[in-house]
Amino acid sequence: MKNRKRGFSLVELLIVLAVIAALIATITPVALNAIQKAKATKVGQNIKTLASAFENYVYVSGKVPANLTDIGRDIDVKAYAVYYAQDETSGTYTVVVKTSEEARKVILEGVLAGVEEKDYTTTTPNFTSLENGFTGTVRYHYIFNFTNY
């Protein structure tokens, strides 16, 4: 009975490799989906933050910011731009936040209701721009309104 050698047989090794391959095939799509969700969440939160920062700046200072760096630091000015139009009589602002960052629209809509995909223009007619070096194709834009009393 001592003739048996120590170690694994070829069949045992192949079974282990097959199990590992099946686990990898199961986990990969889940990991990729998590990465896409994280990216879309980041883009959506950045858009929300820029919109909120613009609105807060107007409420606090009573005027619009001169550029994006006035409403926040570390803003990627090459990937985000803010445009606004002001109705002088009612004090109502229409603000458009645009981004060139990619994200899955379905996930982005869950984070940010009202986001629209691909406005192919880089400028918005009759709006004043806060862009500081915005480059790339506009992939998404978010439009919101507020009134400064």
C-alpha atoms as a PDB file:
ATOM      1  CA  MET A   1       0.000   0.000   0.000  1.00  0.00           C
ATOM      2  CA  LYS A   2       2.996   2.307   0.119  1.00  0.00           C
ATOM      3  CA  ASN A   3       3.355   2.394  -3.676  1.00  0.00           C
ATOM      4  CA  ARG A   4       1.071   5.467  -4.021  1.00  0.00           C
ATOM      5  CA  LYS A   5       2.947   8.692  -4.767  1.00  0.00           C
ATOM      6  CA  ARG A   6       2.143  12.024  -3.169  1.00  0.00           C
ATOM      7  CA  GLY A   7       0.610  14.808  -5.300  1.00  0.00           C
ATOM      8  CA  PHE A   8      -2.413  15.491  -7.435  1.00  0.00           C
ATOM      9  CA  SER A   9      -3.514  13.595 -10.460  1.00  0.00           C
ATOM     10  CA  LEU A  10      -4.059  15.292 -13.809  1.00  0.00           C
ATOM     11  CA  VAL A  11      -7.840  14.832 -13.505  1.00  0.00           C
ATOM     12  CA  GLU A  12      -7.892  16.540 -10.099  1.00  0.00           C
ATOM     13  CA  LEU A  13      -5.928  19.515 -11.445  1.00  0.00           C
ATOM     14  CA  LEU A  14      -8.237  19.852 -14.459  1.00  0.00           C
ATOM     15  CA  ILE A  15     -11.303  19.833 -12.212  1.00  0.00           C
ATOM     16  CA  VAL A  16      -9.825  22.579 -10.034  1.00  0.00           C
ATOM     17  CA  LEU A  17      -8.988  24.673 -13.120  1.00  0.00           C
ATOM     18  CA  ALA A  18     -12.520  24.211 -14.463  1.00  0.00           C
ATOM     19  CA  VAL A  19     -14.037  25.362 -11.164  1.00  0.00           C
ATOM     20  CA  ILE A  20     -11.766  28.436 -11.087  1.00  0.00           C
ATOM     21  CA  ALA A  21     -12.660  29.283 -14.705  1.00  0.00           C
ATOM     22  CA  ALA A  22     -16.384  29.000 -13.898  1.00  0.00           C
ATOM     23  CA  LEU A  23     -15.993  31.332 -10.903  1.00  0.00           C
ATOM     24  CA  ILE A  24     -14.112  33.904 -12.980  1.00  0.00           C
ATOM     25  CA  ALA A  25     -16.758  33.749 -15.716  1.00  0.00           C
ATOM     26  CA  THR A  26     -19.448  34.378 -13.091  1.00  0.00           C
ATOM     27  CA  ILE A  27     -17.708  37.241 -11.298  1.00  0.00           C
ATOM     28  CA  THR A  28     -16.408  39.232 -14.299  1.00  0.00           C
ATOM     29  CA  PRO A  29     -19.768  40.683 -15.493  1.00  0.00           C
ATOM     30  CA  VAL A  30     -20.673  41.656 -11.925  1.00  0.00           C
ATOM     31  CA  ALA A  31     -17.375  43.493 -11.485  1.00  0.00           C
ATOM     32  CA  LEU A  32     -17.702  45.287 -14.832  1.00  0.00           C
ATOM     33  CA  ASN A  33     -21.248  46.388 -13.998  1.00  0.00           C
ATOM     34  CA  ALA A  34     -20.051  47.734 -10.637  1.00  0.00           C
ATOM     35  CA  ILE A  35     -17.368  49.761 -12.412  1.00  0.00           C
ATOM     36  CA  GLN A  36     -19.938  51.249 -14.814  1.00  0.00           C
ATOM     37  CA  LYS A  37     -22.273  52.099 -11.936  1.00  0.00           C
ATOM     38  CA  ALA A  38     -19.472  53.800 -10.045  1.00  0.00           C
ATOM     39  CA  LYS A  39     -18.504  55.885 -13.077  1.00  0.00           C
ATOM     40  CA  ALA A  40     -22.102  56.940 -13.771  1.00  0.00           C
ATOM     41  CA  THR A  41     -22.611  57.799 -10.111  1.00  0.00           C
ATOM     42  CA  LYS A  42     -19.466  59.937 -10.156  1.00  0.00           C
ATOM     43  CA  VAL A  43     -20.597  61.832 -13.268  1.00  0.00           C
ATOM     44  CA  GLY A  44     -24.118  62.315 -11.898  1.00  0.00           C
ATOM     45  CA  GLN A  45     -22.862  63.563  -8.551  1.00  0.00           C
ATOM     46  CA  ASN A  46     -20.432  65.949 -10.251  1.00  0.00           C
ATOM     47  CA  ILE A  47     -23.282  67.407 -12.331  1.00  0.00           C
ATOM     48  CA  LYS A  48     -25.497  67.738  -9.237  1.00  0.00           C
ATOM     49  CA  THR A  49     -22.693  69.351  -7.275  1.00  0.00           C
ATOM     50  CA  LEU A  50     -21.972  71.909 -10.001  1.00  0.00           C
ATOM     51  CA  ALA A  51     -25.674  72.766 -10.276  1.00  0.00           C
ATOM     52  CA  SER A  52     -26.021  73.139  -6.517  1.00  0.00           C
ATOM     53  CA  ALA A  53     -22.784  75.136  -6.232  1.00  0.00           C
ATOM     54  CA  PHE A  54     -23.952  77.570  -8.920  1.00  0.00           C
ATOM     55  CA  GLU A  55     -27.289  78.042  -7.195  1.00  0.00           C
ATOM     56  CA  ASN A  56     -25.677  78.497  -3.762  1.00  0.00           C
ATOM     57  CA  TYR A  57     -23.189  81.004  -5.136  1.00  0.00           C
ATOM     58  CA  VAL A  58     -25.995  83.133  -6.573  1.00  0.00           C
ATOM     59  CA  TYR A  59     -28.018  82.948  -3.333  1.00  0.00           C
ATOM     60  CA  VAL A  60     -25.068  83.902  -1.126  1.00  0.00           C
ATOM     61  CA  SER A  61     -23.337  86.529  -3.251  1.00  0.00           C
ATOM     62  CA  GLY A  62     -26.325  87.881  -5.169  1.00  0.00           C
ATOM     63  CA  LYS A  63     -24.447  87.626  -8.463  1.00  0.00           C
ATOM     64  CA  VAL A  64     -23.357  84.945 -10.869  1.00  0.00           C
ATOM     65  CA  PRO A  65     -19.835  83.514 -10.683  1.00  0.00           C
ATOM     66  CA  ALA A  66     -17.278  84.742 -13.192  1.00  0.00           C
ATOM     67  CA  ASN A  67     -15.936  81.245 -13.880  1.00  0.00           C
ATOM     68  CA  LEU A  68     -16.084  77.652 -12.660  1.00  0.00           C
ATOM     69  CA  THR A  69     -13.249  78.077 -10.189  1.00  0.00           C
ATOM     70  CA  ASP A  70     -15.399  80.608  -8.297  1.00  0.00           C
ATOM     71  CA  ILE A  71     -17.976  77.938  -7.432  1.00  0.00           C
ATOM     72  CA  GLY A  72     -15.594  75.155  -6.498  1.00  0.00           C
ATOM     73  CA  ARG A  73     -12.039  73.984  -6.534  1.00  0.00           C
ATOM     74  CA  ASP A  74     -10.706  70.904  -8.283  1.00  0.00           C
ATOM     75  CA  ILE A  75     -13.366  71.102 -10.999  1.00  0.00           C
ATOM     76  CA  ASP A  76     -12.284  69.379 -14.195  1.00  0.00           C
ATOM     77  CA  VAL A  77     -12.852  72.363 -16.484  1.00  0.00           C
ATOM     78  CA  LYS A  78     -12.004  70.268 -19.532  1.00  0.00           C
ATOM     79  CA  ALA A  79     -14.850  67.843 -18.814  1.00  0.00           C
ATOM     80  CA  TYR A  80     -17.555  70.154 -17.385  1.00  0.00           C
ATOM     81  CA  ALA A  81     -19.096  73.463 -18.416  1.00  0.00           C
ATOM     82  CA  VAL A  82     -21.891  75.588 -16.991  1.00  0.00           C
ATOM     83  CA  TYR A  83     -24.130  77.909 -19.036  1.00  0.00           C
ATOM     84  CA  TYR A  84     -26.822  80.163 -17.648  1.00  0.00           C
ATOM     85  CA  ALA A  85     -29.511  82.599 -18.702  1.00  0.00           C
ATOM     86  CA  GLN A  86     -31.111  85.083 -16.335  1.00  0.00           C
ATOM     87  CA  ASP A  87     -34.540  86.669 -16.540  1.00  0.00           C
ATOM     88  CA  GLU A  88     -33.905  90.095 -14.999  1.00  0.00           C
ATOM     89  CA  THR A  89     -37.548  90.838 -14.222  1.00  0.00           C
ATOM     90  CA  SER A  90     -38.416  87.648 -12.340  1.00  0.00           C
ATOM     91  CA  GLY A  91     -34.955  86.740 -11.039  1.00  0.00           C
ATOM     92  CA  THR A  92     -35.264  83.294 -12.590  1.00  0.00           C
ATOM     93  CA  TYR A  93     -32.152  81.484 -13.786  1.00  0.00           C
ATOM     94  CA  THR A  94     -31.979  78.661 -16.283  1.00  0.00           C
ATOM     95  CA  VAL A  95     -28.752  76.753 -15.863  1.00  0.00           C
ATOM     96  CA  VAL A  96     -27.283  74.062 -18.119  1.00  0.00           C
ATOM     97  CA  VAL A  97     -24.470  71.829 -16.860  1.00  0.00           C
ATOM     98  CA  LYS A  98     -22.698  69.923 -19.630  1.00  0.00           C
ATOM     99  CA  THR A  99     -20.141  67.146 -19.483  1.00  0.00           C
ATOM    100  CA  SER A 100     -17.948  65.281 -21.911  1.00  0.00           C
ATOM    101  CA  GLU A 101     -17.416  62.355 -19.527  1.00  0.00           C
ATOM    102  CA  GLU A 102     -18.824  58.995 -20.551  1.00  0.00           C
ATOM    103  CA  ALA A 103     -21.366  57.112 -18.472  1.00  0.00           C
ATOM    104  CA  ARG A 104     -24.188  54.672 -19.100  1.00  0.00           C
ATOM    105  CA  LYS A 105     -27.351  56.724 -19.549  1.00  0.00           C
ATOM    106  CA  VAL A 106     -29.647  54.264 -17.779  1.00  0.00           C
ATOM    107  CA  ILE A 107     -27.520  54.330 -14.643  1.00  0.00           C
ATOM    108  CA  LEU A 108     -26.963  58.090 -14.876  1.00  0.00           C
ATOM    109  CA  GLU A 109     -30.727  58.706 -15.051  1.00  0.00           C
ATOM    110  CA  GLY A 110     -31.112  56.776 -11.802  1.00  0.00           C
ATOM    111  CA  VAL A 111     -28.629  59.095 -10.123  1.00  0.00           C
ATOM    112  CA  LEU A 112     -29.790  62.317 -11.763  1.00  0.00           C
ATOM    113  CA  ALA A 113     -33.382  62.637 -12.961  1.00  0.00           C
ATOM    114  CA  GLY A 114     -33.752  64.890 -15.981  1.00  0.00           C
ATOM    115  CA  VAL A 115     -30.337  64.354 -17.519  1.00  0.00           C
ATOM    116  CA  GLU A 116     -30.387  64.367 -21.310  1.00  0.00           C
ATOM    117  CA  GLU A 117     -27.996  62.586 -23.616  1.00  0.00           C
ATOM    118  CA  LYS A 118     -25.774  64.187 -26.248  1.00  0.00           C
ATOM    119  CA  ASP A 119     -26.411  67.754 -27.056  1.00  0.00           C
ATOM    120  CA  TYR A 120     -24.050  67.892 -30.016  1.00  0.00           C
ATOM    121  CA  THR A 121     -23.345  71.589 -29.725  1.00  0.00           C
ATOM    122  CA  THR A 122     -20.640  72.901 -27.450  1.00  0.00           C
ATOM    123  CA  THR A 123     -22.357  76.246 -26.964  1.00  0.00           C
ATOM    124  CA  THR A 124     -25.857  77.116 -25.867  1.00  0.00           C
ATOM    125  CA  PRO A 125     -27.510  80.035 -27.715  1.00  0.00           C
ATOM    126  CA  ASN A 126     -28.513  83.046 -25.597  1.00  0.00           C
ATOM    127  CA  PHE A 127     -26.686  81.627 -22.570  1.00  0.00           C
ATOM    128  CA  THR A 128     -23.615  82.984 -20.836  1.00  0.00           C
ATOM    129  CA  SER A 129     -20.786  80.486 -20.467  1.00  0.00           C
ATOM    130  CA  LEU A 130     -18.695  79.702 -17.404  1.00  0.00           C
ATOM    131  CA  GLU A 131     -16.500  77.274 -19.306  1.00  0.00           C
ATOM    132  CA  ASN A 132     -12.778  77.501 -18.769  1.00  0.00           C
ATOM    133  CA  GLY A 133     -11.217  75.292 -21.403  1.00  0.00           C
ATOM    134  CA  PHE A 134     -14.086  72.848 -21.937  1.00  0.00           C
ATOM    135  CA  THR A 135     -13.028  70.351 -24.596  1.00  0.00           C
ATOM    136  CA  GLY A 136     -14.472  67.269 -26.167  1.00  0.00           C
ATOM    137  CA  THR A 137     -17.900  66.268 -27.353  1.00  0.00           C
ATOM    138  CA  VAL A 138     -20.821  67.045 -25.064  1.00  0.00           C
ATOM    139  CA  ARG A 139     -22.257  63.704 -23.987  1.00  0.00           C
ATOM    140  CA  TYR A 140     -24.852  64.763 -21.406  1.00  0.00           C
ATOM    141  CA  HIS A 141     -26.460  67.958 -20.256  1.00  0.00           C
ATOM    142  CA  TYR A 142     -28.628  68.745 -17.262  1.00  0.00           C
ATOM    143  CA  ILE A 143     -31.000  71.721 -17.242  1.00  0.00           C
ATOM    144  CA  PHE A 144     -32.498  73.213 -14.093  1.00  0.00           C
ATOM    145  CA  ASN A 145     -34.231  76.430 -13.060  1.00  0.00           C
ATOM    146  CA  PHE A 146     -34.255  78.414  -9.825  1.00  0.00           C
ATOM    147  CA  THR A 147     -35.393  81.820  -8.655  1.00  0.00           C
ATOM    148  CA  ASN A 148     -33.244  84.185  -6.622  1.00  0.00           C
ATOM    149  CA  TYR A 149     -35.452  86.365  -4.440  1.00  0.00           C
END
